[in-house]
N, C-alpha and C. Protein backbone atom coordinates (compact mmCIF):
# COMPACT_ATOMS: atom_id res chain seq x y z
N MET A 1 -11.79 159.47 -8.56
CA MET A 1 -10.70 159.70 -7.65
C MET A 1 -9.70 160.70 -8.25
N LYS A 2 -9.42 160.56 -9.54
CA LYS A 2 -8.48 161.47 -10.18
C LYS A 2 -8.97 162.92 -10.10
N ALA A 3 -10.28 163.11 -10.27
CA ALA A 3 -10.84 164.46 -10.20
C ALA A 3 -10.63 165.06 -8.80
N LYS A 4 -10.77 164.24 -7.78
CA LYS A 4 -10.58 164.73 -6.42
C LYS A 4 -9.12 165.08 -6.17
N ILE A 5 -8.21 164.26 -6.65
CA ILE A 5 -6.78 164.55 -6.50
C ILE A 5 -6.44 165.81 -7.28
N ASP A 6 -6.94 165.93 -8.51
CA ASP A 6 -6.69 167.12 -9.32
C ASP A 6 -7.26 168.37 -8.67
N ALA A 7 -8.31 168.20 -7.86
CA ALA A 7 -8.94 169.34 -7.17
C ALA A 7 -8.22 169.70 -5.87
N GLY A 8 -7.18 168.92 -5.50
CA GLY A 8 -6.39 169.29 -4.33
C GLY A 8 -6.29 168.26 -3.22
N ALA A 9 -7.01 167.17 -3.32
CA ALA A 9 -6.86 166.14 -2.28
C ALA A 9 -5.46 165.55 -2.38
N ASN A 10 -4.86 165.23 -1.23
CA ASN A 10 -3.50 164.69 -1.27
C ASN A 10 -3.43 163.21 -0.88
N ARG A 11 -4.59 162.64 -0.55
CA ARG A 11 -4.66 161.20 -0.29
C ARG A 11 -6.11 160.77 -0.39
N ALA A 12 -6.29 159.44 -0.43
CA ALA A 12 -7.64 158.88 -0.52
C ALA A 12 -7.72 157.70 0.43
N ILE A 13 -8.92 157.40 0.87
CA ILE A 13 -9.18 156.22 1.69
C ILE A 13 -10.00 155.27 0.85
N SER A 14 -9.54 154.03 0.77
CA SER A 14 -10.24 153.06 -0.06
C SER A 14 -11.50 152.54 0.62
N GLN A 15 -12.35 151.98 -0.20
CA GLN A 15 -13.48 151.20 0.30
C GLN A 15 -12.89 150.00 1.04
N PHE A 16 -13.64 149.39 1.93
CA PHE A 16 -13.14 148.21 2.62
C PHE A 16 -13.02 147.04 1.67
N PHE A 17 -12.17 146.11 2.03
CA PHE A 17 -11.91 144.90 1.25
C PHE A 17 -11.40 143.86 2.23
N PHE A 18 -11.30 142.63 1.79
CA PHE A 18 -10.86 141.56 2.69
C PHE A 18 -9.67 140.77 2.16
N SER A 19 -9.06 141.26 1.10
CA SER A 19 -7.90 140.60 0.53
C SER A 19 -6.84 141.65 0.22
N PRO A 20 -5.66 141.54 0.79
CA PRO A 20 -4.60 142.52 0.47
C PRO A 20 -4.33 142.61 -1.03
N GLU A 21 -4.45 141.48 -1.73
CA GLU A 21 -4.20 141.48 -3.18
C GLU A 21 -5.18 142.41 -3.91
N THR A 22 -6.40 142.50 -3.42
CA THR A 22 -7.38 143.42 -4.00
C THR A 22 -6.88 144.85 -3.90
N PHE A 23 -6.38 145.21 -2.73
CA PHE A 23 -5.86 146.56 -2.53
C PHE A 23 -4.64 146.81 -3.40
N PHE A 24 -3.72 145.85 -3.45
CA PHE A 24 -2.51 146.03 -4.26
C PHE A 24 -2.85 146.21 -5.74
N ARG A 25 -3.81 145.45 -6.24
CA ARG A 25 -4.22 145.61 -7.65
C ARG A 25 -4.79 147.01 -7.88
N PHE A 26 -5.62 147.48 -6.95
CA PHE A 26 -6.19 148.81 -7.06
C PHE A 26 -5.09 149.88 -7.02
N ARG A 27 -4.20 149.75 -6.05
CA ARG A 27 -3.08 150.71 -5.93
C ARG A 27 -2.26 150.76 -7.21
N ASP A 28 -1.99 149.60 -7.80
CA ASP A 28 -1.19 149.55 -9.03
C ASP A 28 -1.93 150.16 -10.21
N ARG A 29 -3.24 149.92 -10.29
CA ARG A 29 -4.03 150.53 -11.39
C ARG A 29 -4.07 152.05 -11.25
N VAL A 30 -4.19 152.52 -10.02
CA VAL A 30 -4.20 153.97 -9.77
C VAL A 30 -2.86 154.57 -10.17
N ALA A 31 -1.77 153.93 -9.79
CA ALA A 31 -0.43 154.43 -10.15
C ALA A 31 -0.26 154.42 -11.66
N ALA A 32 -0.74 153.38 -12.33
CA ALA A 32 -0.63 153.29 -13.79
C ALA A 32 -1.43 154.40 -14.47
N ALA A 33 -2.45 154.90 -13.78
CA ALA A 33 -3.26 156.00 -14.33
C ALA A 33 -2.62 157.36 -14.06
N GLY A 34 -1.43 157.35 -13.44
CA GLY A 34 -0.72 158.59 -13.20
C GLY A 34 -1.07 159.29 -11.89
N ILE A 35 -1.76 158.62 -11.00
CA ILE A 35 -2.10 159.21 -9.71
C ILE A 35 -1.05 158.78 -8.70
N ASP A 36 -0.38 159.75 -8.08
CA ASP A 36 0.67 159.40 -7.14
C ASP A 36 0.30 159.71 -5.69
N ALA A 37 -0.95 160.03 -5.43
CA ALA A 37 -1.39 160.32 -4.07
C ALA A 37 -1.43 159.04 -3.23
N GLU A 38 -1.24 159.20 -1.95
CA GLU A 38 -1.32 158.05 -1.05
C GLU A 38 -2.75 157.51 -1.02
N ILE A 39 -2.86 156.20 -1.03
CA ILE A 39 -4.16 155.55 -0.87
C ILE A 39 -4.10 154.77 0.43
N VAL A 40 -4.93 155.16 1.36
CA VAL A 40 -4.99 154.52 2.67
C VAL A 40 -6.03 153.41 2.59
N PRO A 41 -5.65 152.18 2.92
CA PRO A 41 -6.62 151.09 2.83
C PRO A 41 -7.69 151.19 3.92
N GLY A 42 -8.93 150.97 3.53
CA GLY A 42 -10.05 150.93 4.46
C GLY A 42 -10.21 149.52 5.01
N ILE A 43 -10.05 149.39 6.31
CA ILE A 43 -10.11 148.08 6.97
C ILE A 43 -11.43 148.00 7.74
N LEU A 44 -12.23 146.98 7.44
CA LEU A 44 -13.49 146.77 8.15
C LEU A 44 -13.38 145.48 8.97
N PRO A 45 -13.08 145.60 10.27
CA PRO A 45 -13.08 144.40 11.10
C PRO A 45 -14.50 143.83 11.16
N VAL A 46 -14.63 142.53 11.04
CA VAL A 46 -15.95 141.90 10.97
C VAL A 46 -16.46 141.63 12.38
N SER A 47 -17.17 142.60 12.94
CA SER A 47 -17.73 142.40 14.27
C SER A 47 -19.11 141.76 14.21
N ASN A 48 -19.77 141.91 13.08
CA ASN A 48 -21.10 141.34 12.90
C ASN A 48 -21.16 140.81 11.47
N VAL A 49 -21.16 139.50 11.31
CA VAL A 49 -21.09 138.89 9.98
C VAL A 49 -22.31 139.23 9.14
N ALA A 50 -23.50 139.17 9.72
CA ALA A 50 -24.72 139.47 8.96
C ALA A 50 -24.68 140.91 8.44
N GLN A 51 -24.26 141.83 9.29
CA GLN A 51 -24.17 143.23 8.89
C GLN A 51 -23.11 143.41 7.80
N THR A 52 -21.99 142.72 7.92
CA THR A 52 -20.93 142.81 6.92
C THR A 52 -21.42 142.27 5.58
N ARG A 53 -22.19 141.19 5.60
CA ARG A 53 -22.76 140.66 4.35
C ARG A 53 -23.65 141.70 3.67
N LYS A 54 -24.43 142.44 4.45
CA LYS A 54 -25.29 143.50 3.89
C LYS A 54 -24.43 144.60 3.28
N PHE A 55 -23.38 145.01 3.99
CA PHE A 55 -22.49 146.05 3.48
C PHE A 55 -21.85 145.62 2.16
N THR A 56 -21.36 144.39 2.12
CA THR A 56 -20.69 143.92 0.91
C THR A 56 -21.66 143.86 -0.26
N ALA A 57 -22.89 143.47 0.01
CA ALA A 57 -23.90 143.41 -1.07
C ALA A 57 -24.20 144.81 -1.61
N MET A 58 -24.19 145.81 -0.74
CA MET A 58 -24.51 147.17 -1.17
C MET A 58 -23.39 147.82 -1.97
N CYS A 59 -22.14 147.45 -1.70
CA CYS A 59 -21.05 148.18 -2.34
C CYS A 59 -20.24 147.34 -3.33
N GLY A 60 -20.60 146.09 -3.52
CA GLY A 60 -19.92 145.29 -4.52
C GLY A 60 -18.68 144.57 -4.03
N ALA A 61 -18.39 144.66 -2.75
CA ALA A 61 -17.26 143.89 -2.20
C ALA A 61 -17.74 142.47 -1.94
N GLU A 62 -16.81 141.60 -1.56
CA GLU A 62 -17.25 140.26 -1.21
C GLU A 62 -16.37 139.69 -0.11
N ILE A 63 -16.99 138.87 0.72
CA ILE A 63 -16.28 138.19 1.79
C ILE A 63 -15.72 136.90 1.19
N PRO A 64 -14.41 136.68 1.27
CA PRO A 64 -13.86 135.43 0.75
C PRO A 64 -14.46 134.22 1.49
N GLN A 65 -14.60 133.12 0.80
CA GLN A 65 -15.20 131.93 1.41
C GLN A 65 -14.43 131.48 2.64
N TRP A 66 -13.10 131.51 2.59
CA TRP A 66 -12.31 131.07 3.74
C TRP A 66 -12.64 131.90 4.97
N MET A 67 -12.87 133.21 4.75
CA MET A 67 -13.17 134.10 5.85
C MET A 67 -14.59 133.88 6.36
N ASP A 68 -15.51 133.68 5.44
CA ASP A 68 -16.90 133.42 5.80
C ASP A 68 -16.97 132.17 6.69
N ARG A 69 -16.20 131.14 6.31
CA ARG A 69 -16.19 129.89 7.09
C ARG A 69 -15.63 130.09 8.50
N LEU A 70 -14.69 131.01 8.66
CA LEU A 70 -14.12 131.26 9.99
C LEU A 70 -15.18 131.71 10.99
N PHE A 71 -16.19 132.40 10.50
CA PHE A 71 -17.21 132.96 11.39
C PHE A 71 -18.43 132.06 11.56
N GLU A 72 -18.46 130.94 10.85
CA GLU A 72 -19.58 130.01 10.98
C GLU A 72 -19.69 129.53 12.42
N GLY A 73 -20.91 129.54 12.95
CA GLY A 73 -21.16 129.05 14.30
C GLY A 73 -20.79 130.02 15.40
N LEU A 74 -20.39 131.24 15.07
CA LEU A 74 -19.98 132.19 16.11
C LEU A 74 -21.03 133.25 16.41
N ASP A 75 -22.21 133.12 15.84
CA ASP A 75 -23.26 134.12 16.08
C ASP A 75 -23.58 134.26 17.57
N ASP A 76 -23.54 133.18 18.30
CA ASP A 76 -23.86 133.21 19.73
C ASP A 76 -22.61 133.24 20.62
N HIS A 77 -21.48 133.57 20.03
CA HIS A 77 -20.21 133.62 20.77
C HIS A 77 -19.47 134.92 20.44
N PRO A 78 -19.98 136.04 20.95
CA PRO A 78 -19.40 137.34 20.57
C PRO A 78 -17.94 137.51 20.93
N GLU A 79 -17.50 136.96 22.06
CA GLU A 79 -16.10 137.13 22.44
C GLU A 79 -15.18 136.40 21.46
N THR A 80 -15.55 135.20 21.09
CA THR A 80 -14.75 134.44 20.12
C THR A 80 -14.77 135.12 18.77
N ARG A 81 -15.93 135.61 18.37
CA ARG A 81 -16.06 136.32 17.10
C ARG A 81 -15.14 137.53 17.07
N GLN A 82 -15.04 138.25 18.19
CA GLN A 82 -14.17 139.43 18.26
C GLN A 82 -12.70 139.03 18.14
N LEU A 83 -12.33 137.92 18.78
CA LEU A 83 -10.94 137.45 18.68
C LEU A 83 -10.59 137.08 17.24
N VAL A 84 -11.50 136.38 16.58
CA VAL A 84 -11.27 136.00 15.19
C VAL A 84 -11.20 137.25 14.32
N ALA A 85 -12.11 138.18 14.52
CA ALA A 85 -12.14 139.41 13.72
C ALA A 85 -10.85 140.20 13.88
N ALA A 86 -10.38 140.36 15.11
CA ALA A 86 -9.15 141.11 15.35
C ALA A 86 -7.95 140.42 14.72
N THR A 87 -7.89 139.11 14.83
CA THR A 87 -6.77 138.36 14.27
C THR A 87 -6.75 138.45 12.75
N VAL A 88 -7.90 138.29 12.11
CA VAL A 88 -7.98 138.37 10.65
C VAL A 88 -7.57 139.76 10.17
N ALA A 89 -8.10 140.80 10.80
CA ALA A 89 -7.77 142.16 10.37
C ALA A 89 -6.31 142.49 10.62
N ALA A 90 -5.76 142.06 11.75
CA ALA A 90 -4.34 142.33 12.03
C ALA A 90 -3.45 141.63 11.02
N GLU A 91 -3.78 140.40 10.67
CA GLU A 91 -2.98 139.67 9.67
C GLU A 91 -3.05 140.37 8.31
N MET A 92 -4.22 140.88 7.95
CA MET A 92 -4.34 141.60 6.69
C MET A 92 -3.48 142.87 6.73
N CYS A 93 -3.49 143.57 7.86
CA CYS A 93 -2.67 144.77 7.99
C CYS A 93 -1.19 144.44 7.89
N ARG A 94 -0.79 143.32 8.47
CA ARG A 94 0.62 142.90 8.36
C ARG A 94 1.01 142.67 6.90
N LYS A 95 0.13 142.04 6.15
CA LYS A 95 0.42 141.79 4.72
C LYS A 95 0.46 143.10 3.94
N LEU A 96 -0.44 144.02 4.26
CA LEU A 96 -0.43 145.32 3.60
C LEU A 96 0.85 146.09 3.94
N TYR A 97 1.26 146.01 5.18
CA TYR A 97 2.49 146.68 5.60
C TYR A 97 3.69 146.10 4.86
N ALA A 98 3.73 144.78 4.75
CA ALA A 98 4.82 144.14 4.01
C ALA A 98 4.83 144.58 2.55
N GLY A 99 3.67 144.97 2.03
CA GLY A 99 3.57 145.43 0.65
C GLY A 99 3.77 146.93 0.49
N GLY A 100 4.19 147.60 1.57
CA GLY A 100 4.52 149.02 1.46
C GLY A 100 3.53 149.98 2.07
N THR A 101 2.42 149.53 2.54
CA THR A 101 1.41 150.41 3.14
C THR A 101 1.83 150.79 4.55
N ARG A 102 1.72 152.08 4.87
CA ARG A 102 2.14 152.54 6.19
C ARG A 102 1.02 153.17 7.01
N HIS A 103 -0.12 153.40 6.41
CA HIS A 103 -1.26 153.98 7.13
C HIS A 103 -2.49 153.14 6.87
N PHE A 104 -3.38 153.10 7.86
CA PHE A 104 -4.60 152.31 7.76
C PHE A 104 -5.77 153.13 8.28
N HIS A 105 -6.92 152.93 7.67
CA HIS A 105 -8.16 153.55 8.15
C HIS A 105 -9.09 152.43 8.58
N PHE A 106 -9.49 152.43 9.86
CA PHE A 106 -10.40 151.41 10.36
C PHE A 106 -11.83 151.94 10.35
N TYR A 107 -12.71 151.21 9.71
CA TYR A 107 -14.13 151.50 9.79
C TYR A 107 -14.60 150.85 11.08
N THR A 108 -14.81 151.63 12.13
CA THR A 108 -15.07 151.07 13.46
C THR A 108 -16.53 150.71 13.68
N LEU A 109 -17.44 151.36 12.99
CA LEU A 109 -18.88 151.11 13.18
C LEU A 109 -19.23 151.17 14.67
N ASN A 110 -18.68 152.16 15.33
CA ASN A 110 -18.91 152.38 16.76
C ASN A 110 -18.40 151.23 17.63
N ARG A 111 -17.41 150.51 17.15
CA ARG A 111 -16.79 149.41 17.91
C ARG A 111 -15.29 149.69 18.01
N ALA A 112 -14.96 150.79 18.65
CA ALA A 112 -13.56 151.21 18.74
C ALA A 112 -12.69 150.18 19.43
N GLU A 113 -13.25 149.40 20.35
CA GLU A 113 -12.44 148.43 21.08
C GLU A 113 -11.85 147.38 20.16
N LEU A 114 -12.52 147.05 19.08
CA LEU A 114 -12.00 146.08 18.14
C LEU A 114 -10.79 146.66 17.39
N SER A 115 -10.89 147.89 16.97
CA SER A 115 -9.75 148.54 16.30
C SER A 115 -8.58 148.72 17.28
N TYR A 116 -8.90 149.01 18.52
CA TYR A 116 -7.86 149.14 19.54
C TYR A 116 -7.12 147.81 19.70
N ALA A 117 -7.87 146.72 19.73
CA ALA A 117 -7.26 145.38 19.86
C ALA A 117 -6.38 145.08 18.65
N ILE A 118 -6.82 145.45 17.46
CA ILE A 118 -6.03 145.22 16.25
C ILE A 118 -4.72 146.00 16.32
N CYS A 119 -4.81 147.25 16.71
CA CYS A 119 -3.58 148.06 16.85
C CYS A 119 -2.64 147.43 17.87
N HIS A 120 -3.19 146.92 18.95
CA HIS A 120 -2.37 146.27 19.97
C HIS A 120 -1.68 145.04 19.38
N LEU A 121 -2.42 144.24 18.60
CA LEU A 121 -1.82 143.07 17.95
C LEU A 121 -0.69 143.46 17.00
N LEU A 122 -0.80 144.66 16.41
CA LEU A 122 0.21 145.14 15.47
C LEU A 122 1.38 145.82 16.17
N GLY A 123 1.31 145.90 17.49
CA GLY A 123 2.42 146.50 18.24
C GLY A 123 2.27 147.99 18.47
N LYS A 124 1.14 148.55 18.13
CA LYS A 124 0.90 149.98 18.36
C LYS A 124 0.25 150.17 19.72
N ARG A 125 0.85 151.02 20.53
CA ARG A 125 0.34 151.28 21.87
C ARG A 125 0.13 152.78 22.02
N PRO A 126 -0.81 153.17 22.87
CA PRO A 126 -0.98 154.60 23.11
C PRO A 126 0.26 155.16 23.81
N ALA A 127 0.55 156.39 23.53
CA ALA A 127 1.69 157.04 24.19
C ALA A 127 1.39 157.12 25.69
N THR A 128 2.40 156.86 26.48
CA THR A 128 2.21 156.96 27.94
C THR A 128 2.16 158.42 28.33
N ARG A 129 1.61 158.70 29.47
CA ARG A 129 1.52 160.07 29.95
C ARG A 129 2.91 160.68 30.07
N GLN A 130 3.88 159.90 30.55
CA GLN A 130 5.25 160.38 30.70
C GLN A 130 5.85 160.72 29.34
N ALA A 131 5.62 159.89 28.34
CA ALA A 131 6.15 160.15 27.01
C ALA A 131 5.50 161.39 26.41
N LYS A 132 4.22 161.60 26.66
CA LYS A 132 3.54 162.78 26.14
C LYS A 132 4.13 164.06 26.75
N ASN A 133 4.40 164.02 28.04
CA ASN A 133 4.94 165.19 28.72
C ASN A 133 6.39 165.49 28.34
N ALA A 134 7.12 164.49 27.86
CA ALA A 134 8.52 164.68 27.48
C ALA A 134 8.63 165.45 26.18
N ASP A 135 7.57 165.47 25.38
CA ASP A 135 7.62 166.17 24.08
C ASP A 135 7.49 167.62 24.24
């Protein structure tokens, strides 16, 4: 990451994670290494638990047990799974925001509606046509 910043990048997007504390530890280690570029947290809403387990196995991340238990029994209930996923991701974003983070990167995996729901839960709404024309 330092090499990329030294080469001219002005921010980085983190790998996905499921614990705000993981991101804060990473951010602090990066700052201690003298890197002052913005680090945007990578948020992966869990729309498919089996797929997320595969992703975590490939990249060394892990799903916390409490979170894994939330999705138990929801394989045949996609609407409920989406509600749980949006709520968990929105709560994580709230904690990151409280810790000073102001930008987020959502890994949508072609499921933009889930990220849209998360933004809605966080109070972010699309600009209205009237507001766009006023600018």
